[in-house]
Amino acid sequence: MQKVARHVIITGRVQGVFFRAWTCDEAETIGVNGWVRNCSDGSVEAHAEGDAEAVEELISLMRKGPPGALVHDVEVEITDPEGFDGFEVRH
């Protein structure tokens, strides 16, 4: 099984709606490793890596977000896996 990694920027109403905690829970449920954090410009940034199908599933979920979120855009860039073990919220 080939590991892939994606760098993701989510914009819209994505802070103050538990987007980071929700992303962490979803990632752990489907077996994606990496991290998520708030950015000073109001966006949310994430690094997701693992099985290609699982990473794409997480990105698909992030396009909608948790209840209360209003996602305007999701930018996805291919990047290299960094070998994360688990998924964490960064501050």
C-alpha atoms as a PDB file:
ATOM      1  CA  MET A   1       0.000   0.000   0.000  1.00  0.00           C
ATOM      2  CA  GLN A   2       1.542   3.282  -1.122  1.00  0.00           C
ATOM      3  CA  LYS A   3       1.612   6.185   1.304  1.00  0.00           C
ATOM      4  CA  VAL A   4       0.721   9.641   0.038  1.00  0.00           C
ATOM      5  CA  ALA A   5       0.730  13.056   1.676  1.00  0.00           C
ATOM      6  CA  ARG A   6      -1.259  16.216   1.075  1.00  0.00           C
ATOM      7  CA  HIS A   7      -0.903  19.764   2.376  1.00  0.00           C
ATOM      8  CA  VAL A   8      -4.368  21.284   2.757  1.00  0.00           C
ATOM      9  CA  ILE A   9      -5.571  24.863   3.325  1.00  0.00           C
ATOM     10  CA  ILE A  10      -9.238  25.326   4.211  1.00  0.00           C
ATOM     11  CA  THR A  11     -10.844  28.772   4.081  1.00  0.00           C
ATOM     12  CA  GLY A  12     -14.236  30.053   5.139  1.00  0.00           C
ATOM     13  CA  ARG A  13     -15.838  30.012   8.580  1.00  0.00           C
ATOM     14  CA  VAL A  14     -13.461  27.339   9.863  1.00  0.00           C
ATOM     15  CA  GLN A  15     -12.205  28.762  13.148  1.00  0.00           C
ATOM     16  CA  GLY A  16     -14.306  28.795  16.305  1.00  0.00           C
ATOM     17  CA  VAL A  17     -16.362  25.816  15.076  1.00  0.00           C
ATOM     18  CA  PHE A  18     -14.150  22.970  16.429  1.00  0.00           C
ATOM     19  CA  PHE A  19     -12.726  22.304  12.953  1.00  0.00           C
ATOM     20  CA  ARG A  20      -9.338  21.194  14.314  1.00  0.00           C
ATOM     21  CA  ALA A  21     -10.717  18.790  16.920  1.00  0.00           C
ATOM     22  CA  TRP A  22     -13.234  17.419  14.420  1.00  0.00           C
ATOM     23  CA  THR A  23     -10.508  16.907  11.788  1.00  0.00           C
ATOM     24  CA  CYS A  24      -8.334  15.105  14.328  1.00  0.00           C
ATOM     25  CA  ASP A  25     -11.205  12.779  15.291  1.00  0.00           C
ATOM     26  CA  GLU A  26     -12.075  12.054  11.647  1.00  0.00           C
ATOM     27  CA  ALA A  27      -8.415  11.418  10.744  1.00  0.00           C
ATOM     28  CA  GLU A  28      -7.947   8.997  13.634  1.00  0.00           C
ATOM     29  CA  THR A  29     -11.169   7.165  12.715  1.00  0.00           C
ATOM     30  CA  ILE A  30     -10.061   6.534   9.118  1.00  0.00           C
ATOM     31  CA  GLY A  31      -6.366   5.995   9.875  1.00  0.00           C
ATOM     32  CA  VAL A  32      -4.762   9.161   8.531  1.00  0.00           C
ATOM     33  CA  ASN A  33      -1.654  10.604  10.200  1.00  0.00           C
ATOM     34  CA  GLY A  34      -0.486  14.219  10.357  1.00  0.00           C
ATOM     35  CA  TRP A  35      -1.568  17.479  11.948  1.00  0.00           C
ATOM     36  CA  VAL A  36      -3.994  20.405  11.764  1.00  0.00           C
ATOM     37  CA  ARG A  37      -3.695  24.000  12.984  1.00  0.00           C
ATOM     38  CA  ASN A  38      -5.335  27.417  12.808  1.00  0.00           C
ATOM     39  CA  CYS A  39      -3.580  30.118  10.775  1.00  0.00           C
ATOM     40  CA  SER A  40      -3.466  33.822  11.613  1.00  0.00           C
ATOM     41  CA  ASP A  41      -5.421  34.691   8.448  1.00  0.00           C
ATOM     42  CA  GLY A  42      -8.469  32.715   9.672  1.00  0.00           C
ATOM     43  CA  SER A  43      -7.829  29.616   7.592  1.00  0.00           C
ATOM     44  CA  VAL A  44      -7.040  26.100   8.788  1.00  0.00           C
ATOM     45  CA  GLU A  45      -3.943  24.260   7.558  1.00  0.00           C
ATOM     46  CA  ALA A  46      -3.384  20.504   7.657  1.00  0.00           C
ATOM     47  CA  HIS A  47      -0.875  17.854   6.658  1.00  0.00           C
ATOM     48  CA  ALA A  48      -2.479  14.476   5.975  1.00  0.00           C
ATOM     49  CA  GLU A  49      -0.619  11.299   5.090  1.00  0.00           C
ATOM     50  CA  GLY A  50      -1.373   7.618   4.781  1.00  0.00           C
ATOM     51  CA  ASP A  51      -3.171   5.316   2.372  1.00  0.00           C
ATOM     52  CA  ALA A  52      -4.256   7.308  -0.690  1.00  0.00           C
ATOM     53  CA  GLU A  53      -7.921   6.339  -0.345  1.00  0.00           C
ATOM     54  CA  ALA A  54      -8.021   7.328   3.350  1.00  0.00           C
ATOM     55  CA  VAL A  55      -6.301  10.678   2.700  1.00  0.00           C
ATOM     56  CA  GLU A  56      -8.765  11.473  -0.086  1.00  0.00           C
ATOM     57  CA  GLU A  57     -11.650  10.517   2.209  1.00  0.00           C
ATOM     58  CA  LEU A  58     -10.400  12.944   4.880  1.00  0.00           C
ATOM     59  CA  ILE A  59     -10.032  15.746   2.323  1.00  0.00           C
ATOM     60  CA  SER A  60     -13.556  15.046   1.097  1.00  0.00           C
ATOM     61  CA  LEU A  61     -14.845  15.344   4.674  1.00  0.00           C
ATOM     62  CA  MET A  62     -12.898  18.581   5.159  1.00  0.00           C
ATOM     63  CA  ARG A  63     -14.666  20.094   2.148  1.00  0.00           C
ATOM     64  CA  LYS A  64     -17.832  20.104   4.259  1.00  0.00           C
ATOM     65  CA  GLY A  65     -16.388  20.373   7.778  1.00  0.00           C
ATOM     66  CA  PRO A  66     -18.119  19.967  11.125  1.00  0.00           C
ATOM     67  CA  PRO A  67     -21.526  21.417  12.008  1.00  0.00           C
ATOM     68  CA  GLY A  68     -21.214  25.201  12.171  1.00  0.00           C
ATOM     69  CA  ALA A  69     -18.432  25.412   9.590  1.00  0.00           C
ATOM     70  CA  LEU A  70     -18.912  27.074   6.228  1.00  0.00           C
ATOM     71  CA  VAL A  71     -16.092  25.964   3.940  1.00  0.00           C
ATOM     72  CA  HIS A  72     -15.443  28.295   1.009  1.00  0.00           C
ATOM     73  CA  ASP A  73     -12.368  26.683  -0.520  1.00  0.00           C
ATOM     74  CA  VAL A  74     -10.005  23.761  -0.025  1.00  0.00           C
ATOM     75  CA  GLU A  75      -6.550  23.963  -1.613  1.00  0.00           C
ATOM     76  CA  VAL A  76      -4.684  20.657  -1.868  1.00  0.00           C
ATOM     77  CA  GLU A  77      -1.015  20.242  -2.731  1.00  0.00           C
ATOM     78  CA  ILE A  78       0.902  17.005  -3.140  1.00  0.00           C
ATOM     79  CA  THR A  79       3.771  16.764  -0.668  1.00  0.00           C
ATOM     80  CA  ASP A  80       6.072  14.095   0.739  1.00  0.00           C
ATOM     81  CA  PRO A  81       5.094  11.842   3.650  1.00  0.00           C
ATOM     82  CA  GLU A  82       6.999  12.775   6.804  1.00  0.00           C
ATOM     83  CA  GLY A  83       6.374   9.610   8.813  1.00  0.00           C
ATOM     84  CA  PHE A  84       3.874  10.911  11.377  1.00  0.00           C
ATOM     85  CA  ASP A  85       2.445   8.422  13.844  1.00  0.00           C
ATOM     86  CA  GLY A  86      -1.081   9.543  14.724  1.00  0.00           C
ATOM     87  CA  PHE A  87      -2.829  12.847  14.138  1.00  0.00           C
ATOM     88  CA  GLU A  88      -2.456  15.955  16.298  1.00  0.00           C
ATOM     89  CA  VAL A  89      -3.832  19.422  16.752  1.00  0.00           C
ATOM     90  CA  ARG A  90      -1.027  21.970  16.601  1.00  0.00           C
ATOM     91  CA  HIS A  91      -1.190  25.368  18.245  1.00  0.00           C
END
